[in-house]
Amino acid sequence: MNPIFPLAMAVTNFGESTVVLSTAMAVSFWFWLSRQRQLAVLWLLVIGGCAASMVALKLGFLTCGQLVLGGVVHTPSGHSSMAALFYGAAALTVGRLSPPAARHQTLMVATALLFALTIGLSRIVIHAHSPQEVVAGLLVGFGWLACFALLLRRVRPSIEMPPTAVLCLLGAIYAGLLTLAMVGEHMSVEGLLDHIAHLLQTRWNVCAG
């Protein structure tokens, strides 16, 4: 076995949909409780938009991929797209809300994007995706990250802390979600999308042959 394989498996979990989506929802809930409603909605908007874009692209490539790019992309990497958006957005948000952190925002964003690229590379190492599929996923994630960066400029950086009891409850719920995401059965829509693509090809002759 490749000695890098176990490390790649550990790294790739940080781009797992269950990890990223549960964390993003917890972050959005935190901002909502902190009366930072615009930021909460912005996080939900871009995370939901990126996830929906990836589902649409995966279904499109599974159905008609043989007609696009010479068939080299079977299904774009969702891990890569969500990691590029989530970790980049986290770095931008910290810099926006914390004046001292803003002085190091370039370094934080560069580190976040390097981590996203590492997650993308891990998908290649464990043979989950081809390099072309990882690049496709990263392009989608970076596209949504650019939208997030533009909209974030309109958000006022003020945070009101919610009650301690609420924070403890939120922390306990999130810890449970994250534990299930990391050690439990990983959420995947690939099988469902494969089935839908097969139906589109066989019953409705969409991009078949």
C-alpha atoms as a PDB file:
ATOM      1  CA  MET A   1       0.000   0.000   0.000  1.00  0.00           C
ATOM      2  CA  ASN A   2       1.162   3.526  -0.759  1.00  0.00           C
ATOM      3  CA  PRO A   3       2.467   4.988   2.572  1.00  0.00           C
ATOM      4  CA  ILE A   4       0.753   8.291   1.740  1.00  0.00           C
ATOM      5  CA  PHE A   5      -2.642   6.586   1.374  1.00  0.00           C
ATOM      6  CA  PRO A   6      -3.639   6.604   5.104  1.00  0.00           C
ATOM      7  CA  LEU A   7      -2.702  10.286   5.380  1.00  0.00           C
ATOM      8  CA  ALA A   8      -4.678  11.089   2.232  1.00  0.00           C
ATOM      9  CA  MET A   9      -7.688   9.249   3.661  1.00  0.00           C
ATOM     10  CA  ALA A  10      -7.493  11.362   6.829  1.00  0.00           C
ATOM     11  CA  VAL A  11      -7.134  14.616   4.883  1.00  0.00           C
ATOM     12  CA  THR A  12      -9.953  13.834   2.473  1.00  0.00           C
ATOM     13  CA  ASN A  13     -12.428  13.553   5.393  1.00  0.00           C
ATOM     14  CA  PHE A  14     -12.141  17.318   5.907  1.00  0.00           C
ATOM     15  CA  GLY A  15     -13.833  17.792   2.549  1.00  0.00           C
ATOM     16  CA  GLU A  16     -16.565  15.240   3.278  1.00  0.00           C
ATOM     17  CA  SER A  17     -20.036  16.661   2.615  1.00  0.00           C
ATOM     18  CA  THR A  18     -21.333  15.672   6.043  1.00  0.00           C
ATOM     19  CA  VAL A  19     -18.432  17.477   7.736  1.00  0.00           C
ATOM     20  CA  VAL A  20     -18.559  20.633   5.624  1.00  0.00           C
ATOM     21  CA  LEU A  21     -22.347  20.987   5.503  1.00  0.00           C
ATOM     22  CA  SER A  22     -22.873  20.294   9.221  1.00  0.00           C
ATOM     23  CA  THR A  23     -20.120  22.782  10.089  1.00  0.00           C
ATOM     24  CA  ALA A  24     -21.538  25.403   7.723  1.00  0.00           C
ATOM     25  CA  MET A  25     -25.021  25.014   9.240  1.00  0.00           C
ATOM     26  CA  ALA A  26     -23.565  25.337  12.753  1.00  0.00           C
ATOM     27  CA  VAL A  27     -21.676  28.479  11.693  1.00  0.00           C
ATOM     28  CA  SER A  28     -24.825  29.954  10.160  1.00  0.00           C
ATOM     29  CA  PHE A  29     -26.831  29.184  13.306  1.00  0.00           C
ATOM     30  CA  TRP A  30     -24.112  30.826  15.381  1.00  0.00           C
ATOM     31  CA  PHE A  31     -24.266  34.015  13.323  1.00  0.00           C
ATOM     32  CA  TRP A  32     -28.076  34.042  13.468  1.00  0.00           C
ATOM     33  CA  LEU A  33     -28.021  33.771  17.263  1.00  0.00           C
ATOM     34  CA  SER A  34     -25.360  36.507  17.341  1.00  0.00           C
ATOM     35  CA  ARG A  35     -27.765  38.807  15.461  1.00  0.00           C
ATOM     36  CA  GLN A  36     -25.508  38.768  12.410  1.00  0.00           C
ATOM     37  CA  ARG A  37     -28.414  37.794  10.176  1.00  0.00           C
ATOM     38  CA  GLN A  38     -26.906  38.967   6.888  1.00  0.00           C
ATOM     39  CA  LEU A  39     -23.823  36.838   7.439  1.00  0.00           C
ATOM     40  CA  ALA A  40     -25.907  33.808   8.411  1.00  0.00           C
ATOM     41  CA  VAL A  41     -27.979  34.096   5.229  1.00  0.00           C
ATOM     42  CA  LEU A  42     -24.852  34.664   3.127  1.00  0.00           C
ATOM     43  CA  TRP A  43     -23.241  31.473   4.438  1.00  0.00           C
ATOM     44  CA  LEU A  44     -26.381  29.445   3.765  1.00  0.00           C
ATOM     45  CA  LEU A  45     -26.734  30.991   0.303  1.00  0.00           C
ATOM     46  CA  VAL A  46     -23.231  30.187  -0.943  1.00  0.00           C
ATOM     47  CA  ILE A  47     -22.961  26.762   0.694  1.00  0.00           C
ATOM     48  CA  GLY A  48     -26.390  25.773  -0.616  1.00  0.00           C
ATOM     49  CA  GLY A  49     -25.616  27.226  -4.032  1.00  0.00           C
ATOM     50  CA  CYS A  50     -22.316  25.384  -4.293  1.00  0.00           C
ATOM     51  CA  ALA A  51     -23.890  22.100  -3.192  1.00  0.00           C
ATOM     52  CA  ALA A  52     -26.751  22.506  -5.690  1.00  0.00           C
ATOM     53  CA  SER A  53     -24.292  23.389  -8.468  1.00  0.00           C
ATOM     54  CA  MET A  54     -22.257  20.264  -7.796  1.00  0.00           C
ATOM     55  CA  VAL A  55     -25.346  18.027  -7.791  1.00  0.00           C
ATOM     56  CA  ALA A  56     -26.416  19.509 -11.128  1.00  0.00           C
ATOM     57  CA  LEU A  57     -22.933  19.145 -12.625  1.00  0.00           C
ATOM     58  CA  LYS A  58     -22.516  15.596 -11.362  1.00  0.00           C
ATOM     59  CA  LEU A  59     -25.866  14.611 -12.849  1.00  0.00           C
ATOM     60  CA  GLY A  60     -25.022  16.369 -16.111  1.00  0.00           C
ATOM     61  CA  PHE A  61     -21.644  14.676 -16.469  1.00  0.00           C
ATOM     62  CA  LEU A  62     -23.000  11.277 -15.450  1.00  0.00           C
ATOM     63  CA  THR A  63     -25.665  11.622 -18.131  1.00  0.00           C
ATOM     64  CA  CYS A  64     -23.791  13.385 -20.940  1.00  0.00           C
ATOM     65  CA  GLY A  65     -20.161  13.295 -19.838  1.00  0.00           C
ATOM     66  CA  GLN A  66     -19.131  11.221 -22.833  1.00  0.00           C
ATOM     67  CA  LEU A  67     -19.955  14.206 -25.048  1.00  0.00           C
ATOM     68  CA  VAL A  68     -18.006  16.772 -22.994  1.00  0.00           C
ATOM     69  CA  LEU A  69     -14.214  17.144 -22.779  1.00  0.00           C
ATOM     70  CA  GLY A  70     -13.735  13.807 -24.477  1.00  0.00           C
ATOM     71  CA  GLY A  71     -15.325  11.979 -21.556  1.00  0.00           C
ATOM     72  CA  VAL A  72     -12.332  12.597 -19.249  1.00  0.00           C
ATOM     73  CA  VAL A  73     -14.621  13.962 -16.503  1.00  0.00           C
ATOM     74  CA  HIS A  74     -16.999  11.335 -15.130  1.00  0.00           C
ATOM     75  CA  THR A  75     -18.158  13.234 -12.040  1.00  0.00           C
ATOM     76  CA  PRO A  76     -16.609  16.490 -10.689  1.00  0.00           C
ATOM     77  CA  SER A  77     -15.146  16.354  -7.179  1.00  0.00           C
ATOM     78  CA  GLY A  78     -17.613  17.599  -4.579  1.00  0.00           C
ATOM     79  CA  HIS A  79     -14.971  17.358  -1.841  1.00  0.00           C
ATOM     80  CA  SER A  80     -12.758  19.793  -3.764  1.00  0.00           C
ATOM     81  CA  SER A  81     -15.508  22.313  -4.476  1.00  0.00           C
ATOM     82  CA  MET A  82     -16.924  22.389  -0.952  1.00  0.00           C
ATOM     83  CA  ALA A  83     -13.455  22.562   0.621  1.00  0.00           C
ATOM     84  CA  ALA A  84     -12.412  25.472  -1.616  1.00  0.00           C
ATOM     85  CA  LEU A  85     -15.555  27.407  -0.684  1.00  0.00           C
ATOM     86  CA  PHE A  86     -15.836  26.499   3.000  1.00  0.00           C
ATOM     87  CA  TYR A  87     -12.248  26.996   4.150  1.00  0.00           C
ATOM     88  CA  GLY A  88     -11.794  30.082   1.977  1.00  0.00           C
ATOM     89  CA  ALA A  89     -15.034  31.597   3.314  1.00  0.00           C
ATOM     90  CA  ALA A  90     -13.981  30.814   6.885  1.00  0.00           C
ATOM     91  CA  ALA A  91     -10.693  32.685   6.418  1.00  0.00           C
ATOM     92  CA  LEU A  92     -12.437  35.684   4.827  1.00  0.00           C
ATOM     93  CA  THR A  93     -15.071  35.777   7.588  1.00  0.00           C
ATOM     94  CA  VAL A  94     -12.499  35.744  10.393  1.00  0.00           C
ATOM     95  CA  GLY A  95     -10.632  38.576   8.717  1.00  0.00           C
ATOM     96  CA  ARG A  96     -13.850  40.575   8.270  1.00  0.00           C
ATOM     97  CA  LEU A  97     -15.083  40.211  11.844  1.00  0.00           C
ATOM     98  CA  SER A  98     -11.767  40.526  13.676  1.00  0.00           C
ATOM     99  CA  PRO A  99      -9.732  43.704  13.014  1.00  0.00           C
ATOM    100  CA  PRO A 100      -6.439  42.172  14.292  1.00  0.00           C
ATOM    101  CA  ALA A 101      -6.954  39.141  12.040  1.00  0.00           C
ATOM    102  CA  ALA A 102      -7.572  41.395   9.043  1.00  0.00           C
ATOM    103  CA  ARG A 103      -3.879  42.306   9.045  1.00  0.00           C
ATOM    104  CA  HIS A 104      -3.076  38.664   8.298  1.00  0.00           C
ATOM    105  CA  GLN A 105      -6.020  37.959   5.996  1.00  0.00           C
ATOM    106  CA  THR A 106      -3.869  37.289   2.927  1.00  0.00           C
ATOM    107  CA  LEU A 107      -1.926  34.634   4.842  1.00  0.00           C
ATOM    108  CA  MET A 108      -5.112  33.097   6.245  1.00  0.00           C
ATOM    109  CA  VAL A 109      -6.773  32.913   2.828  1.00  0.00           C
ATOM    110  CA  ALA A 110      -3.622  31.483   1.226  1.00  0.00           C
ATOM    111  CA  THR A 111      -3.437  28.814   3.951  1.00  0.00           C
ATOM    112  CA  ALA A 112      -7.130  27.963   3.517  1.00  0.00           C
ATOM    113  CA  LEU A 113      -6.789  27.635  -0.253  1.00  0.00           C
ATOM    114  CA  LEU A 114      -3.647  25.514   0.127  1.00  0.00           C
ATOM    115  CA  PHE A 115      -5.598  23.211   2.455  1.00  0.00           C
ATOM    116  CA  ALA A 116      -8.414  22.985  -0.109  1.00  0.00           C
ATOM    117  CA  LEU A 117      -5.872  22.080  -2.805  1.00  0.00           C
ATOM    118  CA  THR A 118      -4.445  19.433  -0.469  1.00  0.00           C
ATOM    119  CA  ILE A 119      -7.910  17.936  -0.041  1.00  0.00           C
ATOM    120  CA  GLY A 120      -8.281  17.909  -3.818  1.00  0.00           C
ATOM    121  CA  LEU A 121      -4.922  16.165  -4.163  1.00  0.00           C
ATOM    122  CA  SER A 122      -6.001  13.584  -1.589  1.00  0.00           C
ATOM    123  CA  ARG A 123      -8.944  12.666  -3.824  1.00  0.00           C
ATOM    124  CA  ILE A 124      -6.473  11.805  -6.582  1.00  0.00           C
ATOM    125  CA  VAL A 125      -4.176   9.864  -4.243  1.00  0.00           C
ATOM    126  CA  ILE A 126      -6.992   7.615  -3.010  1.00  0.00           C
ATOM    127  CA  HIS A 127      -8.229   7.160  -6.610  1.00  0.00           C
ATOM    128  CA  ALA A 128     -11.621   8.721  -5.891  1.00  0.00           C
ATOM    129  CA  HIS A 129     -11.287  11.238  -8.753  1.00  0.00           C
ATOM    130  CA  SER A 130      -9.101  12.032 -11.724  1.00  0.00           C
ATOM    131  CA  PRO A 131      -7.044  15.263 -11.835  1.00  0.00           C
ATOM    132  CA  GLN A 132      -9.543  16.723 -14.324  1.00  0.00           C
ATOM    133  CA  GLU A 133     -12.456  15.995 -11.969  1.00  0.00           C
ATOM    134  CA  VAL A 134     -10.627  17.644  -9.075  1.00  0.00           C
ATOM    135  CA  VAL A 135      -9.854  20.732 -11.164  1.00  0.00           C
ATOM    136  CA  ALA A 136     -13.517  20.958 -12.200  1.00  0.00           C
ATOM    137  CA  GLY A 137     -14.611  20.805  -8.561  1.00  0.00           C
ATOM    138  CA  LEU A 138     -12.068  23.415  -7.482  1.00  0.00           C
ATOM    139  CA  LEU A 139     -13.207  25.813 -10.215  1.00  0.00           C
ATOM    140  CA  VAL A 140     -16.805  25.592  -8.975  1.00  0.00           C
ATOM    141  CA  GLY A 141     -15.724  26.123  -5.356  1.00  0.00           C
ATOM    142  CA  PHE A 142     -13.498  29.082  -6.205  1.00  0.00           C
ATOM    143  CA  GLY A 143     -16.308  30.593  -8.279  1.00  0.00           C
ATOM    144  CA  TRP A 144     -18.690  30.538  -5.313  1.00  0.00           C
ATOM    145  CA  LEU A 145     -15.889  31.800  -3.050  1.00  0.00           C
ATOM    146  CA  ALA A 146     -15.477  34.833  -5.321  1.00  0.00           C
ATOM    147  CA  CYS A 147     -19.220  35.535  -4.974  1.00  0.00           C
ATOM    148  CA  PHE A 148     -18.924  35.187  -1.201  1.00  0.00           C
ATOM    149  CA  ALA A 149     -15.999  37.635  -1.093  1.00  0.00           C
ATOM    150  CA  LEU A 150     -17.939  40.244  -3.072  1.00  0.00           C
ATOM    151  CA  LEU A 151     -21.077  39.967  -0.930  1.00  0.00           C
ATOM    152  CA  LEU A 152     -19.099  39.881   2.329  1.00  0.00           C
ATOM    153  CA  ARG A 153     -18.014  43.489   1.767  1.00  0.00           C
ATOM    154  CA  ARG A 154     -21.587  44.605   2.473  1.00  0.00           C
ATOM    155  CA  VAL A 155     -21.772  42.867   5.857  1.00  0.00           C
ATOM    156  CA  ARG A 156     -21.248  44.982   8.971  1.00  0.00           C
ATOM    157  CA  PRO A 157     -18.671  43.377  11.319  1.00  0.00           C
ATOM    158  CA  SER A 158     -20.589  43.378  14.607  1.00  0.00           C
ATOM    159  CA  ILE A 159     -21.222  40.330  16.783  1.00  0.00           C
ATOM    160  CA  GLU A 160     -23.432  40.038  19.879  1.00  0.00           C
ATOM    161  CA  MET A 161     -22.712  36.916  21.863  1.00  0.00           C
ATOM    162  CA  PRO A 162     -25.724  34.639  22.490  1.00  0.00           C
ATOM    163  CA  PRO A 163     -26.426  33.306  26.020  1.00  0.00           C
ATOM    164  CA  THR A 164     -23.903  30.810  27.432  1.00  0.00           C
ATOM    165  CA  ALA A 165     -26.529  28.064  27.771  1.00  0.00           C
ATOM    166  CA  VAL A 166     -27.405  28.385  24.086  1.00  0.00           C
ATOM    167  CA  LEU A 167     -23.730  28.231  23.138  1.00  0.00           C
ATOM    168  CA  CYS A 168     -23.238  25.064  25.199  1.00  0.00           C
ATOM    169  CA  LEU A 169     -26.271  23.413  23.598  1.00  0.00           C
ATOM    170  CA  LEU A 170     -25.106  24.415  20.117  1.00  0.00           C
ATOM    171  CA  GLY A 171     -21.614  23.082  20.864  1.00  0.00           C
ATOM    172  CA  ALA A 172     -22.984  19.744  22.078  1.00  0.00           C
ATOM    173  CA  ILE A 173     -25.242  19.329  19.032  1.00  0.00           C
ATOM    174  CA  TYR A 174     -22.424  20.217  16.659  1.00  0.00           C
ATOM    175  CA  ALA A 175     -19.955  17.872  18.383  1.00  0.00           C
ATOM    176  CA  GLY A 176     -22.429  15.032  17.902  1.00  0.00           C
ATOM    177  CA  LEU A 177     -22.966  15.881  14.238  1.00  0.00           C
ATOM    178  CA  LEU A 178     -19.250  16.123  13.576  1.00  0.00           C
ATOM    179  CA  THR A 179     -18.540  12.818  15.345  1.00  0.00           C
ATOM    180  CA  LEU A 180     -21.174  11.062  13.249  1.00  0.00           C
ATOM    181  CA  ALA A 181     -19.775  12.674  10.122  1.00  0.00           C
ATOM    182  CA  MET A 182     -16.178  11.629  10.789  1.00  0.00           C
ATOM    183  CA  VAL A 183     -16.676   8.070  12.070  1.00  0.00           C
ATOM    184  CA  GLY A 184     -20.116   7.137  10.794  1.00  0.00           C
ATOM    185  CA  GLU A 185     -21.454   6.257   7.378  1.00  0.00           C
ATOM    186  CA  HIS A 186     -20.499   9.020   4.966  1.00  0.00           C
ATOM    187  CA  MET A 187     -23.310  10.767   3.138  1.00  0.00           C
ATOM    188  CA  SER A 188     -23.203  10.245  -0.598  1.00  0.00           C
ATOM    189  CA  VAL A 189     -25.584  11.023  -3.421  1.00  0.00           C
ATOM    190  CA  GLU A 190     -23.450   9.371  -6.080  1.00  0.00           C
ATOM    191  CA  GLY A 191     -25.551   6.201  -6.182  1.00  0.00           C
ATOM    192  CA  LEU A 192     -28.796   8.145  -6.535  1.00  0.00           C
ATOM    193  CA  LEU A 193     -27.345  10.369  -9.252  1.00  0.00           C
ATOM    194  CA  ASP A 194     -26.049   7.298 -11.105  1.00  0.00           C
ATOM    195  CA  HIS A 195     -29.569   5.839 -11.043  1.00  0.00           C
ATOM    196  CA  ILE A 196     -31.153   9.080 -12.284  1.00  0.00           C
ATOM    197  CA  ALA A 197     -28.557   9.406 -15.052  1.00  0.00           C
ATOM    198  CA  HIS A 198     -29.239   5.828 -16.131  1.00  0.00           C
ATOM    199  CA  LEU A 199     -32.969   6.548 -16.324  1.00  0.00           C
ATOM    200  CA  LEU A 200     -32.366   9.707 -18.348  1.00  0.00           C
ATOM    201  CA  GLN A 201     -30.279   7.737 -20.827  1.00  0.00           C
ATOM    202  CA  THR A 202     -32.399   4.611 -21.130  1.00  0.00           C
ATOM    203  CA  ARG A 203     -35.967   5.920 -20.798  1.00  0.00           C
ATOM    204  CA  TRP A 204     -35.684   9.390 -22.291  1.00  0.00           C
ATOM    205  CA  ASN A 205     -32.617   8.879 -24.490  1.00  0.00           C
ATOM    206  CA  VAL A 206     -30.918  11.964 -23.053  1.00  0.00           C
ATOM    207  CA  CYS A 207     -27.351  12.061 -24.388  1.00  0.00           C
ATOM    208  CA  ALA A 208     -27.441   8.282 -24.863  1.00  0.00           C
ATOM    209  CA  GLY A 209     -25.034   6.681 -27.298  1.00  0.00           C
END
